[in-house]
């Protein structure tokens, strides 16, 4: 298997065919990365989260947590553990729906 920092490992060919143990999710991820679509989707997500104020909400949650615990008593891991569940739960449904539509459109045109 080959890999790089920017993309997941690409399966090597075995006897002229790819490893058949890949899940559909892994195949989709490889296609998204190789086409550059994953980066475009990530940028779209960033833009939408900024537009709807989600990013500012997460910043404020982080600041509040740091004030509560004390600047010297908080690690990045602490912030991640506290903020990740709240952040995932608070992504607006409209943003999720738009991203899902883009993914469906990509899959339709990728002919998997």
PDB file of N, CA and C in Angstrom:
ATOM      1  N   UNK A   1       0.836  -1.179   0.000  1.00  0.00           N
ATOM      2  CA  UNK A   1       0.000   0.000   0.000  1.00  0.00           C
ATOM      3  C   UNK A   1       0.886   1.248   0.000  1.00  0.00           C
ATOM      4  N   UNK A   2       0.506   2.219  -0.837  1.00  0.00           N
ATOM      5  CA  UNK A   2       1.206   3.489  -0.888  1.00  0.00           C
ATOM      6  C   UNK A   2       0.359   4.524  -0.173  1.00  0.00           C
ATOM      7  N   UNK A   3       1.002   5.527   0.375  1.00  0.00           N
ATOM      8  CA  UNK A   3       0.255   6.588   1.019  1.00  0.00           C
ATOM      9  C   UNK A   3       1.075   7.853   1.078  1.00  0.00           C
ATOM     10  N   UNK A   4       0.426   8.949   1.421  1.00  0.00           N
ATOM     11  CA  UNK A   4       1.111  10.210   1.605  1.00  0.00           C
ATOM     12  C   UNK A   4       0.398  10.969   2.705  1.00  0.00           C
ATOM     13  N   UNK A   5       0.929  12.132   3.026  1.00  0.00           N
ATOM     14  CA  UNK A   5       0.331  12.951   4.067  1.00  0.00           C
ATOM     15  C   UNK A   5      -1.045  13.454   3.636  1.00  0.00           C
ATOM     16  N   UNK A   6      -1.223  13.701   2.337  1.00  0.00           N
ATOM     17  CA  UNK A   6      -2.448  14.320   1.847  1.00  0.00           C
ATOM     18  C   UNK A   6      -3.537  13.359   1.428  1.00  0.00           C
ATOM     19  N   UNK A   7      -3.258  12.097   1.357  1.00  0.00           N
ATOM     20  CA  UNK A   7      -4.294  11.167   0.927  1.00  0.00           C
ATOM     21  C   UNK A   7      -4.098   9.815   1.587  1.00  0.00           C
ATOM     22  N   UNK A   8      -5.167   9.059   1.657  1.00  0.00           N
ATOM     23  CA  UNK A   8      -5.056   7.731   2.270  1.00  0.00           C
ATOM     24  C   UNK A   8      -4.294   6.793   1.353  1.00  0.00           C
ATOM     25  N   UNK A   9      -3.847   5.680   1.888  1.00  0.00           N
ATOM     26  CA  UNK A   9      -3.116   4.723   1.062  1.00  0.00           C
ATOM     27  C   UNK A   9      -3.940   4.244  -0.127  1.00  0.00           C
ATOM     28  N   UNK A  10      -3.296   4.151  -1.266  1.00  0.00           N
ATOM     29  CA  UNK A  10      -3.932   3.608  -2.460  1.00  0.00           C
ATOM     30  C   UNK A  10      -3.583   2.137  -2.525  1.00  0.00           C
ATOM     31  N   UNK A  11      -4.570   1.271  -2.666  1.00  0.00           N
ATOM     32  CA  UNK A  11      -4.266  -0.163  -2.695  1.00  0.00           C
ATOM     33  C   UNK A  11      -3.432  -0.516  -3.927  1.00  0.00           C
ATOM     34  N   UNK A  12      -2.465  -1.373  -3.731  1.00  0.00           N
ATOM     35  CA  UNK A  12      -1.641  -1.866  -4.831  1.00  0.00           C
ATOM     36  C   UNK A  12      -2.429  -2.928  -5.594  1.00  0.00           C
ATOM     37  N   UNK A  13      -2.132  -3.064  -6.843  1.00  0.00           N
ATOM     38  CA  UNK A  13      -2.799  -4.074  -7.664  1.00  0.00           C
ATOM     39  C   UNK A  13      -2.264  -5.456  -7.319  1.00  0.00           C
ATOM     40  N   UNK A  14      -3.171  -6.404  -7.201  1.00  0.00           N
ATOM     41  CA  UNK A  14      -2.786  -7.794  -6.972  1.00  0.00           C
ATOM     42  C   UNK A  14      -3.215  -8.583  -8.194  1.00  0.00           C
ATOM     43  N   UNK A  15      -2.248  -9.142  -8.904  1.00  0.00           N
ATOM     44  CA  UNK A  15      -2.546  -9.911 -10.105  1.00  0.00           C
ATOM     45  C   UNK A  15      -3.432  -9.116 -11.071  1.00  0.00           C
ATOM     46  N   UNK A  16      -3.144  -7.793 -11.197  1.00  0.00           N
ATOM     47  CA  UNK A  16      -3.886  -6.971 -12.123  1.00  0.00           C
ATOM     48  C   UNK A  16      -5.223  -6.475 -11.611  1.00  0.00           C
ATOM     49  N   UNK A  17      -5.550  -6.725 -10.345  1.00  0.00           N
ATOM     50  CA  UNK A  17      -6.821  -6.223  -9.796  1.00  0.00           C
ATOM     51  C   UNK A  17      -6.576  -5.653  -8.412  1.00  0.00           C
ATOM     52  N   UNK A  18      -7.438  -4.746  -7.986  1.00  0.00           N
ATOM     53  CA  UNK A  18      -7.280  -4.126  -6.681  1.00  0.00           C
ATOM     54  C   UNK A  18      -7.746  -5.062  -5.578  1.00  0.00           C
ATOM     55  N   UNK A  19      -7.224  -4.811  -4.397  1.00  0.00           N
ATOM     56  CA  UNK A  19      -7.605  -5.583  -3.212  1.00  0.00           C
ATOM     57  C   UNK A  19      -9.116  -5.507  -3.021  1.00  0.00           C
ATOM     58  N   UNK A  20      -9.781  -6.645  -2.947  1.00  0.00           N
ATOM     59  CA  UNK A  20     -11.234  -6.667  -2.862  1.00  0.00           C
ATOM     60  C   UNK A  20     -11.742  -6.583  -1.421  1.00  0.00           C
ATOM     61  N   UNK A  21     -10.850  -6.320  -0.479  1.00  0.00           N
ATOM     62  CA  UNK A  21     -11.255  -6.222   0.913  1.00  0.00           C
ATOM     63  C   UNK A  21     -11.587  -4.790   1.312  1.00  0.00           C
ATOM     64  N   UNK A  22     -11.550  -3.852   0.359  1.00  0.00           N
ATOM     65  CA  UNK A  22     -11.879  -2.472   0.671  1.00  0.00           C
ATOM     66  C   UNK A  22     -13.384  -2.317   0.867  1.00  0.00           C
ATOM     67  N   UNK A  23     -13.747  -1.537   1.852  1.00  0.00           N
ATOM     68  CA  UNK A  23     -15.169  -1.259   2.063  1.00  0.00           C
ATOM     69  C   UNK A  23     -15.601  -0.173   1.082  1.00  0.00           C
ATOM     70  N   UNK A  24     -16.889  -0.035   0.914  1.00  0.00           N
ATOM     71  CA  UNK A  24     -17.422   1.001   0.042  1.00  0.00           C
ATOM     72  C   UNK A  24     -16.984   2.379   0.540  1.00  0.00           C
ATOM     73  N   UNK A  25     -16.979   2.561   1.851  1.00  0.00           N
ATOM     74  CA  UNK A  25     -16.555   3.829   2.437  1.00  0.00           C
ATOM     75  C   UNK A  25     -15.098   4.131   2.070  1.00  0.00           C
ATOM     76  N   UNK A  26     -14.234   3.128   2.130  1.00  0.00           N
ATOM     77  CA  UNK A  26     -12.826   3.324   1.767  1.00  0.00           C
ATOM     78  C   UNK A  26     -12.672   3.662   0.288  1.00  0.00           C
ATOM     79  N   UNK A  27     -13.430   2.999  -0.555  1.00  0.00           N
ATOM     80  CA  UNK A  27     -13.372   3.261  -1.997  1.00  0.00           C
ATOM     81  C   UNK A  27     -13.831   4.689  -2.282  1.00  0.00           C
ATOM     82  N   UNK A  28     -14.917   5.105  -1.646  1.00  0.00           N
ATOM     83  CA  UNK A  28     -15.435   6.460  -1.838  1.00  0.00           C
ATOM     84  C   UNK A  28     -14.410   7.480  -1.368  1.00  0.00           C
ATOM     85  N   UNK A  29     -13.813   7.227  -0.216  1.00  0.00           N
ATOM     86  CA  UNK A  29     -12.812   8.153   0.309  1.00  0.00           C
ATOM     87  C   UNK A  29     -11.629   8.289  -0.650  1.00  0.00           C
ATOM     88  N   UNK A  30     -11.166   7.186  -1.202  1.00  0.00           N
ATOM     89  CA  UNK A  30     -10.051   7.218  -2.148  1.00  0.00           C
ATOM     90  C   UNK A  30     -10.433   8.051  -3.375  1.00  0.00           C
ATOM     91  N   UNK A  31     -11.638   7.831  -3.892  1.00  0.00           N
ATOM     92  CA  UNK A  31     -12.106   8.583  -5.069  1.00  0.00           C
ATOM     93  C   UNK A  31     -12.212  10.076  -4.752  1.00  0.00           C
ATOM     94  N   UNK A  32     -12.733  10.402  -3.565  1.00  0.00           N
ATOM     95  CA  UNK A  32     -12.856  11.800  -3.171  1.00  0.00           C
ATOM     96  C   UNK A  32     -11.491  12.482  -3.094  1.00  0.00           C
ATOM     97  N   UNK A  33     -10.528  11.781  -2.509  1.00  0.00           N
ATOM     98  CA  UNK A  33      -9.183  12.354  -2.359  1.00  0.00           C
ATOM     99  C   UNK A  33      -8.500  12.490  -3.707  1.00  0.00           C
ATOM    100  N   UNK A  34      -8.517  11.432  -4.492  1.00  0.00           N
ATOM    101  CA  UNK A  34      -7.806  11.434  -5.775  1.00  0.00           C
ATOM    102  C   UNK A  34      -8.362  12.484  -6.734  1.00  0.00           C
ATOM    103  N   UNK A  35      -9.650  12.760  -6.657  1.00  0.00           N
ATOM    104  CA  UNK A  35     -10.265  13.733  -7.561  1.00  0.00           C
ATOM    105  C   UNK A  35     -10.110  15.168  -7.067  1.00  0.00           C
ATOM    106  N   UNK A  36      -9.716  15.332  -5.808  1.00  0.00           N
ATOM    107  CA  UNK A  36      -9.627  16.668  -5.225  1.00  0.00           C
ATOM    108  C   UNK A  36     -10.950  17.143  -4.647  1.00  0.00           C
ATOM    109  N   UNK A  37     -11.987  16.323  -4.780  1.00  0.00           N
ATOM    110  CA  UNK A  37     -13.312  16.700  -4.301  1.00  0.00           C
ATOM    111  C   UNK A  37     -13.359  16.814  -2.780  1.00  0.00           C
ATOM    112  N   UNK A  38     -12.586  16.004  -2.079  1.00  0.00           N
ATOM    113  CA  UNK A  38     -12.596  16.056  -0.612  1.00  0.00           C
ATOM    114  C   UNK A  38     -12.154  17.432  -0.117  1.00  0.00           C
ATOM    115  N   UNK A  39     -11.112  17.986  -0.722  1.00  0.00           N
ATOM    116  CA  UNK A  39     -10.649  19.321  -0.336  1.00  0.00           C
ATOM    117  C   UNK A  39     -11.695  20.389  -0.659  1.00  0.00           C
ATOM    118  N   UNK A  40     -12.354  20.256  -1.810  1.00  0.00           N
ATOM    119  CA  UNK A  40     -13.402  21.216  -2.175  1.00  0.00           C
ATOM    120  C   UNK A  40     -14.568  21.137  -1.189  1.00  0.00           C
ATOM    121  N   UNK A  41     -14.925  19.934  -0.786  1.00  0.00           N
ATOM    122  CA  UNK A  41     -16.008  19.772   0.194  1.00  0.00           C
ATOM    123  C   UNK A  41     -15.626  20.344   1.550  1.00  0.00           C
ATOM    124  N   UNK A  42     -14.383  20.135   1.953  1.00  0.00           N
ATOM    125  CA  UNK A  42     -13.920  20.681   3.229  1.00  0.00           C
ATOM    126  C   UNK A  42     -13.955  22.205   3.210  1.00  0.00           C
ATOM    127  N   UNK A  43     -13.560  22.803   2.087  1.00  0.00           N
ATOM    128  CA  UNK A  43     -13.583  24.265   1.965  1.00  0.00           C
ATOM    129  C   UNK A  43     -15.020  24.781   1.990  1.00  0.00           C
ATOM    130  N   UNK A  44     -15.921  24.098   1.300  1.00  0.00           N
ATOM    131  CA  UNK A  44     -17.335  24.470   1.325  1.00  0.00           C
ATOM    132  C   UNK A  44     -17.873  24.406   2.756  1.00  0.00           C
ATOM    133  N   UNK A  45     -17.544  23.346   3.464  1.00  0.00           N
ATOM    134  CA  UNK A  45     -17.982  23.196   4.850  1.00  0.00           C
ATOM    135  C   UNK A  45     -17.451  24.342   5.712  1.00  0.00           C
ATOM    136  N   UNK A  46     -16.157  24.655   5.569  1.00  0.00           N
ATOM    137  CA  UNK A  46     -15.579  25.773   6.330  1.00  0.00           C
ATOM    138  C   UNK A  46     -16.354  27.065   6.072  1.00  0.00           C
ATOM    139  N   UNK A  47     -16.605  27.361   4.796  1.00  0.00           N
ATOM    140  CA  UNK A  47     -17.319  28.588   4.428  1.00  0.00           C
ATOM    141  C   UNK A  47     -18.706  28.633   5.053  1.00  0.00           C
ATOM    142  N   UNK A  48     -19.448  27.533   4.946  1.00  0.00           N
ATOM    143  CA  UNK A  48     -20.814  27.511   5.470  1.00  0.00           C
ATOM    144  C   UNK A  48     -20.849  27.630   6.990  1.00  0.00           C
ATOM    145  N   UNK A  49     -19.891  26.992   7.668  1.00  0.00           N
ATOM    146  CA  UNK A  49     -19.856  27.063   9.133  1.00  0.00           C
ATOM    147  C   UNK A  49     -19.504  28.467   9.611  1.00  0.00           C
ATOM    148  N   UNK A  50     -18.658  29.158   8.865  1.00  0.00           N
ATOM    149  CA  UNK A  50     -18.340  30.541   9.205  1.00  0.00           C
ATOM    150  C   UNK A  50     -19.560  31.424   8.966  1.00  0.00           C
ATOM    151  N   UNK A  51     -20.216  31.236   7.809  1.00  0.00           N
ATOM    152  CA  UNK A  51     -21.388  32.041   7.450  1.00  0.00           C
ATOM    153  C   UNK A  51     -22.511  31.944   8.473  1.00  0.00           C
ATOM    154  N   UNK A  52     -22.739  30.760   9.007  1.00  0.00           N
ATOM    155  CA  UNK A  52     -23.867  30.567   9.926  1.00  0.00           C
ATOM    156  C   UNK A  52     -23.507  30.872  11.385  1.00  0.00           C
ATOM    157  N   UNK A  53     -22.256  31.231  11.648  1.00  0.00           N
ATOM    158  CA  UNK A  53     -21.853  31.598  13.000  1.00  0.00           C
ATOM    159  C   UNK A  53     -21.412  30.435  13.865  1.00  0.00           C
ATOM    160  N   UNK A  54     -21.371  29.239  13.303  1.00  0.00           N
ATOM    161  CA  UNK A  54     -20.977  28.049  14.061  1.00  0.00           C
ATOM    162  C   UNK A  54     -19.551  28.186  14.595  1.00  0.00           C
ATOM    163  N   UNK A  55     -18.666  28.664  13.751  1.00  0.00           N
ATOM    164  CA  UNK A  55     -17.258  28.798  14.151  1.00  0.00           C
ATOM    165  C   UNK A  55     -17.118  29.743  15.347  1.00  0.00           C
ATOM    166  N   UNK A  56     -17.827  30.864  15.317  1.00  0.00           N
ATOM    167  CA  UNK A  56     -17.776  31.806  16.432  1.00  0.00           C
ATOM    168  C   UNK A  56     -18.326  31.188  17.713  1.00  0.00           C
ATOM    169  N   UNK A  57     -19.392  30.386  17.570  1.00  0.00           N
ATOM    170  CA  UNK A  57     -19.947  29.691  18.738  1.00  0.00           C
ATOM    171  C   UNK A  57     -18.910  28.748  19.354  1.00  0.00           C
ATOM    172  N   UNK A  58     -18.190  28.019  18.509  1.00  0.00           N
ATOM    173  CA  UNK A  58     -17.185  27.079  19.009  1.00  0.00           C
ATOM    174  C   UNK A  58     -16.025  27.821  19.670  1.00  0.00           C
ATOM    175  N   UNK A  59     -15.637  28.951  19.093  1.00  0.00           N
ATOM    176  CA  UNK A  59     -14.579  29.770  19.707  1.00  0.00           C
ATOM    177  C   UNK A  59     -14.999  30.217  21.100  1.00  0.00           C
ATOM    178  N   UNK A  60     -16.239  30.662  21.204  1.00  0.00           N
ATOM    179  CA  UNK A  60     -16.731  31.130  22.495  1.00  0.00           C
ATOM    180  C   UNK A  60     -16.816  29.986  23.508  1.00  0.00           C
ATOM    181  N   UNK A  61     -17.223  28.806  23.065  1.00  0.00           N
ATOM    182  CA  UNK A  61     -17.237  27.648  23.966  1.00  0.00           C
ATOM    183  C   UNK A  61     -15.829  27.338  24.470  1.00  0.00           C
ATOM    184  N   UNK A  62     -14.863  27.411  23.581  1.00  0.00           N
ATOM    185  CA  UNK A  62     -13.468  27.158  23.972  1.00  0.00           C
ATOM    186  C   UNK A  62     -12.995  28.196  24.987  1.00  0.00           C
ATOM    187  N   UNK A  63     -13.273  29.451  24.686  1.00  0.00           N
ATOM    188  CA  UNK A  63     -12.851  30.522  25.602  1.00  0.00           C
ATOM    189  C   UNK A  63     -13.500  30.356  26.968  1.00  0.00           C
ATOM    190  N   UNK A  64     -14.779  30.028  26.972  1.00  0.00           N
ATOM    191  CA  UNK A  64     -15.506  29.838  28.218  1.00  0.00           C
ATOM    192  C   UNK A  64     -14.911  28.686  29.030  1.00  0.00           C
ATOM    193  N   UNK A  65     -14.603  27.594  28.345  1.00  0.00           N
ATOM    194  CA  UNK A  65     -14.020  26.430  29.016  1.00  0.00           C
ATOM    195  C   UNK A  65     -12.661  26.781  29.621  1.00  0.00           C
ATOM    196  N   UNK A  66     -11.844  27.525  28.872  1.00  0.00           N
ATOM    197  CA  UNK A  66     -10.511  27.914  29.350  1.00  0.00           C
ATOM    198  C   UNK A  66     -10.635  28.850  30.545  1.00  0.00           C
ATOM    199  N   UNK A  67     -11.567  29.806  30.491  1.00  0.00           N
ATOM    200  CA  UNK A  67     -11.773  30.705  31.634  1.00  0.00           C
ATOM    201  C   UNK A  67     -12.189  29.916  32.875  1.00  0.00           C
ATOM    202  N   UNK A  68     -13.066  28.939  32.677  1.00  0.00           N
ATOM    203  CA  UNK A  68     -13.584  28.147  33.797  1.00  0.00           C
ATOM    204  C   UNK A  68     -12.488  27.294  34.442  1.00  0.00           C
ATOM    205  N   UNK A  69     -11.672  26.649  33.617  1.00  0.00           N
ATOM    206  CA  UNK A  69     -10.652  25.734  34.132  1.00  0.00           C
ATOM    207  C   UNK A  69      -9.333  26.427  34.464  1.00  0.00           C
ATOM    208  N   UNK A  70      -9.100  27.570  33.877  1.00  0.00           N
ATOM    209  CA  UNK A  70      -7.829  28.252  34.069  1.00  0.00           C
ATOM    210  C   UNK A  70      -6.887  27.954  32.915  1.00  0.00           C
ATOM    211  N   UNK A  71      -6.261  28.993  32.418  1.00  0.00           N
ATOM    212  CA  UNK A  71      -5.424  28.887  31.218  1.00  0.00           C
ATOM    213  C   UNK A  71      -4.327  27.835  31.346  1.00  0.00           C
ATOM    214  N   UNK A  72      -3.773  27.687  32.509  1.00  0.00           N
ATOM    215  CA  UNK A  72      -2.665  26.743  32.702  1.00  0.00           C
ATOM    216  C   UNK A  72      -3.122  25.320  32.999  1.00  0.00           C
ATOM    217  N   UNK A  73      -4.422  25.132  33.118  1.00  0.00           N
ATOM    218  CA  UNK A  73      -4.957  23.816  33.470  1.00  0.00           C
ATOM    219  C   UNK A  73      -5.683  23.127  32.313  1.00  0.00           C
ATOM    220  N   UNK A  74      -5.574  23.671  31.110  1.00  0.00           N
ATOM    221  CA  UNK A  74      -6.294  23.133  29.964  1.00  0.00           C
ATOM    222  C   UNK A  74      -5.314  22.717  28.883  1.00  0.00           C
ATOM    223  N   UNK A  75      -5.546  21.523  28.329  1.00  0.00           N
ATOM    224  CA  UNK A  75      -4.745  21.063  27.197  1.00  0.00           C
ATOM    225  C   UNK A  75      -5.614  21.075  25.944  1.00  0.00           C
ATOM    226  N   UNK A  76      -4.980  20.993  24.797  1.00  0.00           N
ATOM    227  CA  UNK A  76      -5.720  20.917  23.544  1.00  0.00           C
ATOM    228  C   UNK A  76      -6.613  19.687  23.564  1.00  0.00           C
ATOM    229  N   UNK A  77      -6.117  18.594  24.112  1.00  0.00           N
ATOM    230  CA  UNK A  77      -6.906  17.364  24.204  1.00  0.00           C
ATOM    231  C   UNK A  77      -8.171  17.582  25.035  1.00  0.00           C
ATOM    232  N   UNK A  78      -8.054  18.336  26.140  1.00  0.00           N
ATOM    233  CA  UNK A  78      -9.233  18.665  26.957  1.00  0.00           C
ATOM    234  C   UNK A  78     -10.268  19.410  26.124  1.00  0.00           C
ATOM    235  N   UNK A  79      -9.802  20.410  25.374  1.00  0.00           N
ATOM    236  CA  UNK A  79     -10.710  21.183  24.525  1.00  0.00           C
ATOM    237  C   UNK A  79     -11.393  20.302  23.493  1.00  0.00           C
ATOM    238  N   UNK A  80     -10.622  19.446  22.862  1.00  0.00           N
ATOM    239  CA  UNK A  80     -11.178  18.552  21.842  1.00  0.00           C
ATOM    240  C   UNK A  80     -12.246  17.656  22.450  1.00  0.00           C
ATOM    241  N   UNK A  81     -11.964  17.084  23.605  1.00  0.00           N
ATOM    242  CA  UNK A  81     -12.911  16.172  24.255  1.00  0.00           C
ATOM    243  C   UNK A  81     -14.210  16.869  24.660  1.00  0.00           C
ATOM    244  N   UNK A  82     -14.124  18.127  25.040  1.00  0.00           N
ATOM    245  CA  UNK A  82     -15.306  18.858  25.476  1.00  0.00           C
ATOM    246  C   UNK A  82     -16.076  19.438  24.289  1.00  0.00           C
ATOM    247  N   UNK A  83     -15.358  19.992  23.331  1.00  0.00           N
ATOM    248  CA  UNK A  83     -15.996  20.739  22.248  1.00  0.00           C
ATOM    249  C   UNK A  83     -16.503  19.847  21.111  1.00  0.00           C
ATOM    250  N   UNK A  84     -15.820  18.744  20.808  1.00  0.00           N
ATOM    251  CA  UNK A  84     -16.191  17.916  19.655  1.00  0.00           C
ATOM    252  C   UNK A  84     -17.652  17.455  19.684  1.00  0.00           C
ATOM    253  N   UNK A  85     -18.140  16.871  20.764  1.00  0.00           N
ATOM    254  CA  UNK A  85     -19.548  16.436  20.747  1.00  0.00           C
ATOM    255  C   UNK A  85     -20.518  17.610  20.563  1.00  0.00           C
ATOM    256  N   UNK A  86     -20.233  18.731  21.212  1.00  0.00           N
ATOM    257  CA  UNK A  86     -21.099  19.903  21.084  1.00  0.00           C
ATOM    258  C   UNK A  86     -21.028  20.463  19.674  1.00  0.00           C
ATOM    259  N   UNK A  87     -19.838  20.479  19.115  1.00  0.00           N
ATOM    260  CA  UNK A  87     -19.654  21.004  17.770  1.00  0.00           C
ATOM    261  C   UNK A  87     -20.378  20.167  16.731  1.00  0.00           C
ATOM    262  N   UNK A  88     -20.236  18.869  16.816  1.00  0.00           N
ATOM    263  CA  UNK A  88     -20.912  17.985  15.854  1.00  0.00           C
ATOM    264  C   UNK A  88     -22.427  18.109  15.958  1.00  0.00           C
ATOM    265  N   UNK A  89     -22.916  18.197  17.169  1.00  0.00           N
ATOM    266  CA  UNK A  89     -24.369  18.264  17.377  1.00  0.00           C
ATOM    267  C   UNK A  89     -24.954  19.595  16.918  1.00  0.00           C
ATOM    268  N   UNK A  90     -24.127  20.637  16.862  1.00  0.00           N
ATOM    269  CA  UNK A  90     -24.667  21.962  16.558  1.00  0.00           C
ATOM    270  C   UNK A  90     -24.482  22.405  15.103  1.00  0.00           C
ATOM    271  N   UNK A  91     -23.953  21.530  14.255  1.00  0.00           N
ATOM    272  CA  UNK A  91     -23.861  21.870  12.831  1.00  0.00           C
ATOM    273  C   UNK A  91     -25.295  21.956  12.291  1.00  0.00           C
ATOM    274  N   UNK A  92     -25.640  23.082  11.663  1.00  0.00           N
ATOM    275  CA  UNK A  92     -27.019  23.247  11.174  1.00  0.00           C
ATOM    276  C   UNK A  92     -27.394  22.177  10.151  1.00  0.00           C
ATOM    277  N   UNK A  93     -28.647  21.749  10.201  1.00  0.00           N
ATOM    278  CA  UNK A  93     -29.138  20.735   9.268  1.00  0.00           C
ATOM    279  C   UNK A  93     -29.006  21.187   7.820  1.00  0.00           C
ATOM    280  N   UNK A  94     -29.163  22.488   7.580  1.00  0.00           N
ATOM    281  CA  UNK A  94     -29.051  22.990   6.207  1.00  0.00           C
ATOM    282  C   UNK A  94     -27.642  22.792   5.657  1.00  0.00           C
ATOM    283  N   UNK A  95     -26.640  22.940   6.508  1.00  0.00           N
ATOM    284  CA  UNK A  95     -25.252  22.740   6.092  1.00  0.00           C
ATOM    285  C   UNK A  95     -25.018  21.254   5.814  1.00  0.00           C
ATOM    286  N   UNK A  96     -25.525  20.401   6.687  1.00  0.00           N
ATOM    287  CA  UNK A  96     -25.391  18.958   6.476  1.00  0.00           C
ATOM    288  C   UNK A  96     -26.060  18.535   5.173  1.00  0.00           C
ATOM    289  N   UNK A  97     -27.260  19.071   4.936  1.00  0.00           N
ATOM    290  CA  UNK A  97     -28.009  18.709   3.730  1.00  0.00           C
ATOM    291  C   UNK A  97     -27.281  19.164   2.464  1.00  0.00           C
ATOM    292  N   UNK A  98     -26.721  20.368   2.492  1.00  0.00           N
ATOM    293  CA  UNK A  98     -25.997  20.864   1.323  1.00  0.00           C
ATOM    294  C   UNK A  98     -24.771  20.010   1.031  1.00  0.00           C
ATOM    295  N   UNK A  99     -24.032  19.676   2.066  1.00  0.00           N
ATOM    296  CA  UNK A  99     -22.836  18.847   1.898  1.00  0.00           C
ATOM    297  C   UNK A  99     -23.218  17.462   1.377  1.00  0.00           C
ATOM    298  N   UNK A 100     -24.266  16.888   1.925  1.00  0.00           N
ATOM    299  CA  UNK A 100     -24.734  15.582   1.483  1.00  0.00           C
ATOM    300  C   UNK A 100     -25.143  15.614   0.013  1.00  0.00           C
ATOM    301  N   UNK A 101     -25.788  16.689  -0.403  1.00  0.00           N
ATOM    302  CA  UNK A 101     -26.189  16.821  -1.799  1.00  0.00           C
ATOM    303  C   UNK A 101     -24.962  16.871  -2.711  1.00  0.00           C
ATOM    304  N   UNK A 102     -23.923  17.585  -2.299  1.00  0.00           N
ATOM    305  CA  UNK A 102     -22.687  17.645  -3.085  1.00  0.00           C
ATOM    306  C   UNK A 102     -22.034  16.259  -3.173  1.00  0.00           C
ATOM    307  N   UNK A 103     -22.051  15.528  -2.082  1.00  0.00           N
ATOM    308  CA  UNK A 103     -21.461  14.186  -2.078  1.00  0.00           C
ATOM    309  C   UNK A 103     -22.255  13.261  -2.993  1.00  0.00           C
ATOM    310  N   UNK A 104     -23.577  13.320  -2.907  1.00  0.00           N
ATOM    311  CA  UNK A 104     -24.418  12.488  -3.779  1.00  0.00           C
ATOM    312  C   UNK A 104     -24.175  12.816  -5.252  1.00  0.00           C
ATOM    313  N   UNK A 105     -24.048  14.086  -5.546  1.00  0.00           N
ATOM    314  CA  UNK A 105     -23.793  14.527  -6.914  1.00  0.00           C
ATOM    315  C   UNK A 105     -22.446  13.976  -7.407  1.00  0.00           C
ATOM    316  N   UNK A 106     -21.439  14.042  -6.547  1.00  0.00           N
ATOM    317  CA  UNK A 106     -20.119  13.515  -6.898  1.00  0.00           C
ATOM    318  C   UNK A 106     -20.201  12.014  -7.163  1.00  0.00           C
ATOM    319  N   UNK A 107     -20.883  11.291  -6.261  1.00  0.00           N
ATOM    320  CA  UNK A 107     -20.985   9.837  -6.417  1.00  0.00           C
ATOM    321  C   UNK A 107     -21.732   9.464  -7.693  1.00  0.00           C
ATOM    322  N   UNK A 108     -22.739  10.262  -8.033  1.00  0.00           N
ATOM    323  CA  UNK A 108     -23.470  10.007  -9.266  1.00  0.00           C
ATOM    324  C   UNK A 108     -22.619  10.188 -10.502  1.00  0.00           C
ATOM    325  N   UNK A 109     -21.737  11.158 -10.461  1.00  0.00           N
ATOM    326  CA  UNK A 109     -20.883  11.425 -11.622  1.00  0.00           C
ATOM    327  C   UNK A 109     -19.614  10.574 -11.621  1.00  0.00           C
ATOM    328  N   UNK A 110     -19.241  10.005 -10.465  1.00  0.00           N
ATOM    329  CA  UNK A 110     -18.009   9.217 -10.366  1.00  0.00           C
ATOM    330  C   UNK A 110     -18.192   7.795 -10.890  1.00  0.00           C
ATOM    331  N   UNK A 111     -19.400   7.347 -11.048  1.00  0.00           N
ATOM    332  CA  UNK A 111     -19.694   5.996 -11.548  1.00  0.00           C
ATOM    333  C   UNK A 111     -18.931   4.932 -10.789  1.00  0.00           C
ATOM    334  N   UNK A 112     -19.229   4.835  -9.507  1.00  0.00           N
ATOM    335  CA  UNK A 112     -18.546   3.842  -8.656  1.00  0.00           C
ATOM    336  C   UNK A 112     -19.070   2.445  -8.921  1.00  0.00           C
TER     337      UNK A 112
END
